[in-house]
Amino acid sequence: MNDNQLIVLKWMIKTVNFQDMLIELDGAFESVPNEVCEAYENISQKEKIEVIHKATGILLKELF
């Protein structure tokens, strides 16, 4: 993963509600730190999917 992906991933796995986080991240709401918004904007669609996939895997492990 590149630096921008890691910035987004670290923020994603810290959030409480995964679905809300996805909506906020894609809409660049005020609740998303500027650094995360900029990093998210600077990654490709494929890289975004890779980040979401990785974050989902991490969060699923934490649940079980």
PDB file of N, CA and C in Angstrom:
ATOM      1  N   MET A   1       0.846  -1.186   0.000  1.00  0.00           N
ATOM      2  CA  MET A   1       0.000   0.000   0.000  1.00  0.00           C
ATOM      3  C   MET A   1       0.889   1.245   0.000  1.00  0.00           C
ATOM      4  N   ASN A   2       0.417   2.271  -0.710  1.00  0.00           N
ATOM      5  CA  ASN A   2       1.186   3.509  -0.721  1.00  0.00           C
ATOM      6  C   ASN A   2       0.822   4.375   0.490  1.00  0.00           C
ATOM      7  N   ASP A   3       1.524   5.487   0.649  1.00  0.00           N
ATOM      8  CA  ASP A   3       1.331   6.346   1.823  1.00  0.00           C
ATOM      9  C   ASP A   3      -0.101   6.863   1.939  1.00  0.00           C
ATOM     10  N   ASN A   4      -0.691   7.277   0.820  1.00  0.00           N
ATOM     11  CA  ASN A   4      -2.069   7.776   0.865  1.00  0.00           C
ATOM     12  C   ASN A   4      -3.046   6.691   1.294  1.00  0.00           C
ATOM     13  N   GLN A   5      -2.833   5.489   0.807  1.00  0.00           N
ATOM     14  CA  GLN A   5      -3.699   4.378   1.205  1.00  0.00           C
ATOM     15  C   GLN A   5      -3.568   4.106   2.701  1.00  0.00           C
ATOM     16  N   LEU A   6      -2.356   4.176   3.218  1.00  0.00           N
ATOM     17  CA  LEU A   6      -2.143   3.915   4.652  1.00  0.00           C
ATOM     18  C   LEU A   6      -2.806   4.974   5.526  1.00  0.00           C
ATOM     19  N   ILE A   7      -2.769   6.224   5.090  1.00  0.00           N
ATOM     20  CA  ILE A   7      -3.434   7.302   5.839  1.00  0.00           C
ATOM     21  C   ILE A   7      -4.932   7.003   5.930  1.00  0.00           C
ATOM     22  N   VAL A   8      -5.524   6.648   4.806  1.00  0.00           N
ATOM     23  CA  VAL A   8      -6.963   6.352   4.770  1.00  0.00           C
ATOM     24  C   VAL A   8      -7.266   5.099   5.598  1.00  0.00           C
ATOM     25  N   LEU A   9      -6.462   4.070   5.452  1.00  0.00           N
ATOM     26  CA  LEU A   9      -6.678   2.821   6.190  1.00  0.00           C
ATOM     27  C   LEU A   9      -6.632   3.045   7.694  1.00  0.00           C
ATOM     28  N   LYS A  10      -5.646   3.770   8.177  1.00  0.00           N
ATOM     29  CA  LYS A  10      -5.530   4.020   9.622  1.00  0.00           C
ATOM     30  C   LYS A  10      -6.758   4.737  10.158  1.00  0.00           C
ATOM     31  N   TRP A  11      -7.288   5.675   9.386  1.00  0.00           N
ATOM     32  CA  TRP A  11      -8.488   6.380   9.819  1.00  0.00           C
ATOM     33  C   TRP A  11      -9.698   5.455   9.790  1.00  0.00           C
ATOM     34  N   MET A  12      -9.791   4.646   8.750  1.00  0.00           N
ATOM     35  CA  MET A  12     -10.946   3.755   8.599  1.00  0.00           C
ATOM     36  C   MET A  12     -11.069   2.765   9.754  1.00  0.00           C
ATOM     37  N   ILE A  13      -9.964   2.201  10.175  1.00  0.00           N
ATOM     38  CA  ILE A  13     -10.058   1.168  11.210  1.00  0.00           C
ATOM     39  C   ILE A  13     -10.270   1.750  12.604  1.00  0.00           C
ATOM     40  N   LYS A  14     -10.182   3.070  12.734  1.00  0.00           N
ATOM     41  CA  LYS A  14     -10.437   3.710  14.022  1.00  0.00           C
ATOM     42  C   LYS A  14     -11.889   4.136  14.187  1.00  0.00           C
ATOM     43  N   THR A  15     -12.655   4.125  13.099  1.00  0.00           N
ATOM     44  CA  THR A  15     -14.027   4.611  13.165  1.00  0.00           C
ATOM     45  C   THR A  15     -14.956   3.573  13.789  1.00  0.00           C
ATOM     46  N   VAL A  16     -16.015   4.059  14.387  1.00  0.00           N
ATOM     47  CA  VAL A  16     -16.953   3.191  15.088  1.00  0.00           C
ATOM     48  C   VAL A  16     -17.950   2.547  14.127  1.00  0.00           C
ATOM     49  N   ASN A  17     -18.493   3.323  13.222  1.00  0.00           N
ATOM     50  CA  ASN A  17     -19.516   2.823  12.311  1.00  0.00           C
ATOM     51  C   ASN A  17     -18.966   2.804  10.894  1.00  0.00           C
ATOM     52  N   PHE A  18     -18.690   1.623  10.383  1.00  0.00           N
ATOM     53  CA  PHE A  18     -18.035   1.462   9.081  1.00  0.00           C
ATOM     54  C   PHE A  18     -18.873   2.043   7.946  1.00  0.00           C
ATOM     55  N   GLN A  19     -20.167   1.815   7.950  1.00  0.00           N
ATOM     56  CA  GLN A  19     -21.022   2.308   6.868  1.00  0.00           C
ATOM     57  C   GLN A  19     -21.070   3.835   6.847  1.00  0.00           C
ATOM     58  N   ASP A  20     -21.221   4.452   8.006  1.00  0.00           N
ATOM     59  CA  ASP A  20     -21.222   5.916   8.069  1.00  0.00           C
ATOM     60  C   ASP A  20     -19.890   6.472   7.594  1.00  0.00           C
ATOM     61  N   MET A  21     -18.804   5.796   7.974  1.00  0.00           N
ATOM     62  CA  MET A  21     -17.474   6.241   7.591  1.00  0.00           C
ATOM     63  C   MET A  21     -17.327   6.268   6.080  1.00  0.00           C
ATOM     64  N   LEU A  22     -17.825   5.246   5.391  1.00  0.00           N
ATOM     65  CA  LEU A  22     -17.727   5.207   3.931  1.00  0.00           C
ATOM     66  C   LEU A  22     -18.472   6.374   3.292  1.00  0.00           C
ATOM     67  N   ILE A  23     -19.648   6.661   3.807  1.00  0.00           N
ATOM     68  CA  ILE A  23     -20.449   7.767   3.281  1.00  0.00           C
ATOM     69  C   ILE A  23     -19.739   9.099   3.537  1.00  0.00           C
ATOM     70  N   GLU A  24     -19.226   9.273   4.746  1.00  0.00           N
ATOM     71  CA  GLU A  24     -18.540  10.506   5.094  1.00  0.00           C
ATOM     72  C   GLU A  24     -17.262  10.682   4.279  1.00  0.00           C
ATOM     73  N   LEU A  25     -16.531   9.621   4.094  1.00  0.00           N
ATOM     74  CA  LEU A  25     -15.273   9.702   3.364  1.00  0.00           C
ATOM     75  C   LEU A  25     -15.516  10.068   1.908  1.00  0.00           C
ATOM     76  N   ASP A  26     -16.473   9.450   1.282  1.00  0.00           N
ATOM     77  CA  ASP A  26     -16.745   9.725  -0.127  1.00  0.00           C
ATOM     78  C   ASP A  26     -17.338  11.117  -0.318  1.00  0.00           C
ATOM     79  N   GLY A  27     -18.034  11.621   0.681  1.00  0.00           N
ATOM     80  CA  GLY A  27     -18.625  12.955   0.595  1.00  0.00           C
ATOM     81  C   GLY A  27     -17.756  14.045   1.175  1.00  0.00           C
ATOM     82  N   ALA A  28     -16.621  13.674   1.755  1.00  0.00           N
ATOM     83  CA  ALA A  28     -15.680  14.628   2.364  1.00  0.00           C
ATOM     84  C   ALA A  28     -16.378  15.525   3.394  1.00  0.00           C
ATOM     85  N   PHE A  29     -17.081  14.922   4.333  1.00  0.00           N
ATOM     86  CA  PHE A  29     -17.748  15.662   5.391  1.00  0.00           C
ATOM     87  C   PHE A  29     -16.728  16.238   6.368  1.00  0.00           C
ATOM     88  N   GLU A  30     -17.169  17.179   7.180  1.00  0.00           N
ATOM     89  CA  GLU A  30     -16.280  17.827   8.135  1.00  0.00           C
ATOM     90  C   GLU A  30     -15.726  16.863   9.181  1.00  0.00           C
ATOM     91  N   SER A  31     -16.385  15.754   9.400  1.00  0.00           N
ATOM     92  CA  SER A  31     -15.926  14.794  10.397  1.00  0.00           C
ATOM     93  C   SER A  31     -14.675  14.041   9.948  1.00  0.00           C
ATOM     94  N   VAL A  32     -14.352  14.130   8.661  1.00  0.00           N
ATOM     95  CA  VAL A  32     -13.167  13.454   8.120  1.00  0.00           C
ATOM     96  C   VAL A  32     -12.006  14.446   8.136  1.00  0.00           C
ATOM     97  N   PRO A  33     -10.893  14.082   8.776  1.00  0.00           N
ATOM     98  CA  PRO A  33      -9.735  14.984   8.809  1.00  0.00           C
ATOM     99  C   PRO A  33      -9.258  15.345   7.396  1.00  0.00           C
ATOM    100  N   ASN A  34      -8.770  16.565   7.233  1.00  0.00           N
ATOM    101  CA  ASN A  34      -8.312  17.044   5.923  1.00  0.00           C
ATOM    102  C   ASN A  34      -7.261  16.123   5.317  1.00  0.00           C
ATOM    103  N   GLU A  35      -6.340  15.651   6.139  1.00  0.00           N
ATOM    104  CA  GLU A  35      -5.278  14.771   5.650  1.00  0.00           C
ATOM    105  C   GLU A  35      -5.864  13.509   5.010  1.00  0.00           C
ATOM    106  N   VAL A  36      -6.909  12.973   5.618  1.00  0.00           N
ATOM    107  CA  VAL A  36      -7.553  11.770   5.106  1.00  0.00           C
ATOM    108  C   VAL A  36      -8.292  12.081   3.803  1.00  0.00           C
ATOM    109  N   CYS A  37      -8.995  13.203   3.750  1.00  0.00           N
ATOM    110  CA  CYS A  37      -9.704  13.597   2.520  1.00  0.00           C
ATOM    111  C   CYS A  37      -8.733  13.754   1.362  1.00  0.00           C
ATOM    112  N   GLU A  38      -7.627  14.437   1.608  1.00  0.00           N
ATOM    113  CA  GLU A  38      -6.632  14.652   0.557  1.00  0.00           C
ATOM    114  C   GLU A  38      -6.031  13.331   0.089  1.00  0.00           C
ATOM    115  N   ALA A  39      -5.721  12.468   1.037  1.00  0.00           N
ATOM    116  CA  ALA A  39      -5.146  11.170   0.685  1.00  0.00           C
ATOM    117  C   ALA A  39      -6.138  10.358  -0.137  1.00  0.00           C
ATOM    118  N   TYR A  40      -7.408  10.376   0.270  1.00  0.00           N
ATOM    119  CA  TYR A  40      -8.452   9.619  -0.439  1.00  0.00           C
ATOM    120  C   TYR A  40      -8.636  10.144  -1.861  1.00  0.00           C
ATOM    121  N   GLU A  41      -8.581  11.450  -2.027  1.00  0.00           N
ATOM    122  CA  GLU A  41      -8.740  12.046  -3.348  1.00  0.00           C
ATOM    123  C   GLU A  41      -7.576  11.709  -4.274  1.00  0.00           C
ATOM    124  N   ASN A  42      -6.421  11.415  -3.705  1.00  0.00           N
ATOM    125  CA  ASN A  42      -5.216  11.177  -4.497  1.00  0.00           C
ATOM    126  C   ASN A  42      -4.931   9.704  -4.767  1.00  0.00           C
ATOM    127  N   ILE A  43      -5.904   8.837  -4.499  1.00  0.00           N
ATOM    128  CA  ILE A  43      -5.706   7.426  -4.842  1.00  0.00           C
ATOM    129  C   ILE A  43      -6.716   7.023  -5.911  1.00  0.00           C
ATOM    130  N   SER A  44      -6.339   6.048  -6.690  1.00  0.00           N
ATOM    131  CA  SER A  44      -7.188   5.579  -7.791  1.00  0.00           C
ATOM    132  C   SER A  44      -8.376   4.788  -7.252  1.00  0.00           C
ATOM    133  N   GLN A  45      -9.306   4.518  -8.135  1.00  0.00           N
ATOM    134  CA  GLN A  45     -10.475   3.704  -7.761  1.00  0.00           C
ATOM    135  C   GLN A  45     -10.030   2.324  -7.261  1.00  0.00           C
ATOM    136  N   LYS A  46      -9.072   1.737  -7.964  1.00  0.00           N
ATOM    137  CA  LYS A  46      -8.554   0.418  -7.560  1.00  0.00           C
ATOM    138  C   LYS A  46      -7.934   0.490  -6.164  1.00  0.00           C
ATOM    139  N   GLU A  47      -7.165   1.542  -5.902  1.00  0.00           N
ATOM    140  CA  GLU A  47      -6.532   1.699  -4.591  1.00  0.00           C
ATOM    141  C   GLU A  47      -7.571   1.921  -3.503  1.00  0.00           C
ATOM    142  N   LYS A  48      -8.653   2.632  -3.812  1.00  0.00           N
ATOM    143  CA  LYS A  48      -9.733   2.833  -2.837  1.00  0.00           C
ATOM    144  C   LYS A  48     -10.359   1.497  -2.464  1.00  0.00           C
ATOM    145  N   ILE A  49     -10.602   0.673  -3.466  1.00  0.00           N
ATOM    146  CA  ILE A  49     -11.183  -0.646  -3.210  1.00  0.00           C
ATOM    147  C   ILE A  49     -10.231  -1.499  -2.377  1.00  0.00           C
ATOM    148  N   GLU A  50      -8.938  -1.426  -2.665  1.00  0.00           N
ATOM    149  CA  GLU A  50      -7.946  -2.176  -1.884  1.00  0.00           C
ATOM    150  C   GLU A  50      -7.959  -1.737  -0.423  1.00  0.00           C
ATOM    151  N   VAL A  51      -8.066  -0.432  -0.188  1.00  0.00           N
ATOM    152  CA  VAL A  51      -8.101   0.095   1.185  1.00  0.00           C
ATOM    153  C   VAL A  51      -9.356  -0.379   1.906  1.00  0.00           C
ATOM    154  N   ILE A  52     -10.492  -0.287   1.240  1.00  0.00           N
ATOM    155  CA  ILE A  52     -11.752  -0.726   1.850  1.00  0.00           C
ATOM    156  C   ILE A  52     -11.691  -2.219   2.151  1.00  0.00           C
ATOM    157  N   HIS A  53     -11.145  -2.987   1.245  1.00  0.00           N
ATOM    158  CA  HIS A  53     -10.996  -4.432   1.445  1.00  0.00           C
ATOM    159  C   HIS A  53     -10.124  -4.720   2.665  1.00  0.00           C
ATOM    160  N   LYS A  54      -8.998  -4.048   2.760  1.00  0.00           N
ATOM    161  CA  LYS A  54      -8.073  -4.262   3.885  1.00  0.00           C
ATOM    162  C   LYS A  54      -8.731  -3.846   5.201  1.00  0.00           C
ATOM    163  N   ALA A  55      -9.386  -2.681   5.212  1.00  0.00           N
ATOM    164  CA  ALA A  55     -10.043  -2.204   6.428  1.00  0.00           C
ATOM    165  C   ALA A  55     -11.150  -3.152   6.864  1.00  0.00           C
ATOM    166  N   THR A  56     -11.912  -3.639   5.911  1.00  0.00           N
ATOM    167  CA  THR A  56     -12.984  -4.587   6.225  1.00  0.00           C
ATOM    168  C   THR A  56     -12.425  -5.847   6.866  1.00  0.00           C
ATOM    169  N   GLY A  57     -11.338  -6.356   6.322  1.00  0.00           N
ATOM    170  CA  GLY A  57     -10.708  -7.552   6.875  1.00  0.00           C
ATOM    171  C   GLY A  57     -10.244  -7.344   8.309  1.00  0.00           C
ATOM    172  N   ILE A  58      -9.633  -6.193   8.562  1.00  0.00           N
ATOM    173  CA  ILE A  58      -9.154  -5.871   9.912  1.00  0.00           C
ATOM    174  C   ILE A  58     -10.324  -5.758  10.878  1.00  0.00           C
ATOM    175  N   LEU A  59     -11.362  -5.047  10.472  1.00  0.00           N
ATOM    176  CA  LEU A  59     -12.527  -4.862  11.349  1.00  0.00           C
ATOM    177  C   LEU A  59     -13.268  -6.167  11.608  1.00  0.00           C
ATOM    178  N   LEU A  60     -13.336  -7.032  10.614  1.00  0.00           N
ATOM    179  CA  LEU A  60     -13.978  -8.336  10.824  1.00  0.00           C
ATOM    180  C   LEU A  60     -13.213  -9.172  11.831  1.00  0.00           C
ATOM    181  N   LYS A  61     -11.901  -9.141  11.779  1.00  0.00           N
ATOM    182  CA  LYS A  61     -11.085  -9.887  12.750  1.00  0.00           C
ATOM    183  C   LYS A  61     -11.329  -9.383  14.166  1.00  0.00           C
ATOM    184  N   GLU A  62     -11.506  -8.061  14.299  1.00  0.00           N
ATOM    185  CA  GLU A  62     -11.764  -7.487  15.617  1.00  0.00           C
ATOM    186  C   GLU A  62     -13.123  -7.891  16.180  1.00  0.00           C
ATOM    187  N   LEU A  63     -14.089  -8.124  15.292  1.00  0.00           N
ATOM    188  CA  LEU A  63     -15.425  -8.498  15.731  1.00  0.00           C
ATOM    189  C   LEU A  63     -15.485  -9.951  16.233  1.00  0.00           C
ATOM    190  N   PHE A  64     -14.663 -10.794  15.663  1.00  0.00           N
ATOM    191  CA  PHE A  64     -14.720 -12.205  16.009  1.00  0.00           C
ATOM    192  C   PHE A  64     -13.469 -12.566  16.673  1.00  0.00           C
TER     193      PHE A  64
END
